[in-house]
């Protein structure tokens, strides 16, 4: 098991401790059957990750548009997303 990681059972039993660690800047990786499945991270790290993902997606979209790529409406995008989810659960 990697340093700073706990099992799901341990995380449940000591959630407040892991939240306190995150507030102090230390992430905790949560494992199930020896595999990392989640993390409790400082909110600043989470916010930075979301911002980086938004920037990356915006750059990718700009590149597609610059190459004359196809555009879609928000309704079309949402319909495609829901169709994909329905296929994944089927």
C-alpha atoms as a PDB file:
ATOM      1  CA  UNK A   1       0.000   0.000   0.000  1.00  0.00           C
ATOM      2  CA  UNK A   2       1.343   3.464  -0.882  1.00  0.00           C
ATOM      3  CA  UNK A   3       2.173   6.049   1.750  1.00  0.00           C
ATOM      4  CA  UNK A   4      -0.832   8.215   2.590  1.00  0.00           C
ATOM      5  CA  UNK A   5      -3.304   5.552   1.514  1.00  0.00           C
ATOM      6  CA  UNK A   6      -5.982   3.737   3.478  1.00  0.00           C
ATOM      7  CA  UNK A   7      -8.598   1.131   2.774  1.00  0.00           C
ATOM      8  CA  UNK A   8     -12.243   2.097   2.358  1.00  0.00           C
ATOM      9  CA  UNK A   9     -12.946   0.583   5.785  1.00  0.00           C
ATOM     10  CA  UNK A  10     -10.181   2.668   7.404  1.00  0.00           C
ATOM     11  CA  UNK A  11     -11.377   5.798   5.589  1.00  0.00           C
ATOM     12  CA  UNK A  12     -14.906   5.308   6.889  1.00  0.00           C
ATOM     13  CA  UNK A  13     -13.700   4.758  10.430  1.00  0.00           C
ATOM     14  CA  UNK A  14     -11.422   7.819  10.430  1.00  0.00           C
ATOM     15  CA  UNK A  15     -12.968  10.189   7.888  1.00  0.00           C
ATOM     16  CA  UNK A  16     -12.572  13.250  10.127  1.00  0.00           C
ATOM     17  CA  UNK A  17      -8.840  12.519  10.446  1.00  0.00           C
ATOM     18  CA  UNK A  18      -8.443  12.349   6.659  1.00  0.00           C
ATOM     19  CA  UNK A  19     -10.379  15.586   6.238  1.00  0.00           C
ATOM     20  CA  UNK A  20      -8.086  17.226   8.783  1.00  0.00           C
ATOM     21  CA  UNK A  21      -5.044  15.938   6.868  1.00  0.00           C
ATOM     22  CA  UNK A  22      -6.471  17.398   3.663  1.00  0.00           C
ATOM     23  CA  UNK A  23      -6.997  20.751   5.379  1.00  0.00           C
ATOM     24  CA  UNK A  24      -3.307  20.619   6.340  1.00  0.00           C
ATOM     25  CA  UNK A  25      -2.350  19.958   2.705  1.00  0.00           C
ATOM     26  CA  UNK A  26      -1.862  16.185   2.755  1.00  0.00           C
ATOM     27  CA  UNK A  27      -3.974  14.009   0.449  1.00  0.00           C
ATOM     28  CA  UNK A  28      -5.208  10.550   1.393  1.00  0.00           C
ATOM     29  CA  UNK A  29      -5.680   7.900  -1.291  1.00  0.00           C
ATOM     30  CA  UNK A  30      -8.472   5.414  -0.600  1.00  0.00           C
ATOM     31  CA  UNK A  31      -8.030   1.875  -1.860  1.00  0.00           C
ATOM     32  CA  UNK A  32     -10.372  -1.039  -2.462  1.00  0.00           C
ATOM     33  CA  UNK A  33      -8.887  -4.483  -2.891  1.00  0.00           C
ATOM     34  CA  UNK A  34      -5.448  -2.881  -3.057  1.00  0.00           C
ATOM     35  CA  UNK A  35      -6.353  -0.530  -5.935  1.00  0.00           C
ATOM     36  CA  UNK A  36      -6.648   3.271  -5.598  1.00  0.00           C
ATOM     37  CA  UNK A  37     -10.290   4.279  -6.150  1.00  0.00           C
ATOM     38  CA  UNK A  38     -10.671   7.748  -4.586  1.00  0.00           C
ATOM     39  CA  UNK A  39      -8.852  10.495  -2.755  1.00  0.00           C
ATOM     40  CA  UNK A  40      -9.487  13.078  -0.075  1.00  0.00           C
ATOM     41  CA  UNK A  41      -7.493  16.096  -1.212  1.00  0.00           C
ATOM     42  CA  UNK A  42      -7.076  19.704  -0.137  1.00  0.00           C
ATOM     43  CA  UNK A  43      -9.779  21.820  -1.769  1.00  0.00           C
ATOM     44  CA  UNK A  44      -7.117  24.040  -3.358  1.00  0.00           C
ATOM     45  CA  UNK A  45      -5.735  20.977  -5.181  1.00  0.00           C
ATOM     46  CA  UNK A  46      -9.221  19.978  -6.318  1.00  0.00           C
ATOM     47  CA  UNK A  47      -9.967  23.511  -7.540  1.00  0.00           C
ATOM     48  CA  UNK A  48      -6.647  23.638  -9.412  1.00  0.00           C
ATOM     49  CA  UNK A  49      -7.389  20.301 -11.077  1.00  0.00           C
ATOM     50  CA  UNK A  50     -10.848  21.456 -12.192  1.00  0.00           C
ATOM     51  CA  UNK A  51      -9.419  24.706 -13.549  1.00  0.00           C
ATOM     52  CA  UNK A  52      -6.676  22.855 -15.436  1.00  0.00           C
ATOM     53  CA  UNK A  53      -9.263  20.482 -16.935  1.00  0.00           C
ATOM     54  CA  UNK A  54     -11.411  23.435 -18.025  1.00  0.00           C
ATOM     55  CA  UNK A  55      -8.406  25.120 -19.668  1.00  0.00           C
ATOM     56  CA  UNK A  56      -7.419  21.905 -21.442  1.00  0.00           C
ATOM     57  CA  UNK A  57     -10.945  21.337 -22.758  1.00  0.00           C
ATOM     58  CA  UNK A  58     -11.184  24.954 -23.941  1.00  0.00           C
ATOM     59  CA  UNK A  59      -7.863  24.630 -25.792  1.00  0.00           C
ATOM     60  CA  UNK A  60      -8.984  21.396 -27.424  1.00  0.00           C
ATOM     61  CA  UNK A  61     -12.252  23.023 -28.511  1.00  0.00           C
ATOM     62  CA  UNK A  62     -10.387  26.036 -29.926  1.00  0.00           C
ATOM     63  CA  UNK A  63      -8.088  23.709 -31.879  1.00  0.00           C
ATOM     64  CA  UNK A  64     -11.056  21.844 -33.360  1.00  0.00           C
ATOM     65  CA  UNK A  65     -12.705  25.115 -34.374  1.00  0.00           C
ATOM     66  CA  UNK A  66      -9.448  26.435 -35.852  1.00  0.00           C
ATOM     67  CA  UNK A  67      -9.259  23.318 -38.030  1.00  0.00           C
ATOM     68  CA  UNK A  68     -12.804  23.902 -39.257  1.00  0.00           C
ATOM     69  CA  UNK A  69     -14.201  21.156 -37.059  1.00  0.00           C
ATOM     70  CA  UNK A  70     -17.874  20.503 -36.657  1.00  0.00           C
ATOM     71  CA  UNK A  71     -19.801  22.415 -34.014  1.00  0.00           C
ATOM     72  CA  UNK A  72     -22.833  21.143 -32.108  1.00  0.00           C
ATOM     73  CA  UNK A  73     -25.545  22.781 -30.073  1.00  0.00           C
ATOM     74  CA  UNK A  74     -25.755  22.271 -26.327  1.00  0.00           C
ATOM     75  CA  UNK A  75     -28.902  20.197 -26.869  1.00  0.00           C
ATOM     76  CA  UNK A  76     -27.017  17.890 -29.260  1.00  0.00           C
ATOM     77  CA  UNK A  77     -24.126  17.571 -26.829  1.00  0.00           C
ATOM     78  CA  UNK A  78     -26.419  16.691 -23.920  1.00  0.00           C
ATOM     79  CA  UNK A  79     -28.352  14.189 -26.037  1.00  0.00           C
ATOM     80  CA  UNK A  80     -25.091  12.470 -26.992  1.00  0.00           C
ATOM     81  CA  UNK A  81     -23.953  12.374 -23.363  1.00  0.00           C
ATOM     82  CA  UNK A  82     -27.218  10.849 -22.187  1.00  0.00           C
ATOM     83  CA  UNK A  83     -27.128   8.315 -25.024  1.00  0.00           C
ATOM     84  CA  UNK A  84     -23.597   7.289 -23.995  1.00  0.00           C
ATOM     85  CA  UNK A  85     -24.650   6.909 -20.365  1.00  0.00           C
ATOM     86  CA  UNK A  86     -27.647   4.794 -21.368  1.00  0.00           C
ATOM     87  CA  UNK A  87     -25.372   2.539 -23.430  1.00  0.00           C
ATOM     88  CA  UNK A  88     -22.902   2.234 -20.538  1.00  0.00           C
ATOM     89  CA  UNK A  89     -25.608   1.101 -18.119  1.00  0.00           C
ATOM     90  CA  UNK A  90     -27.255  -1.322 -20.555  1.00  0.00           C
END
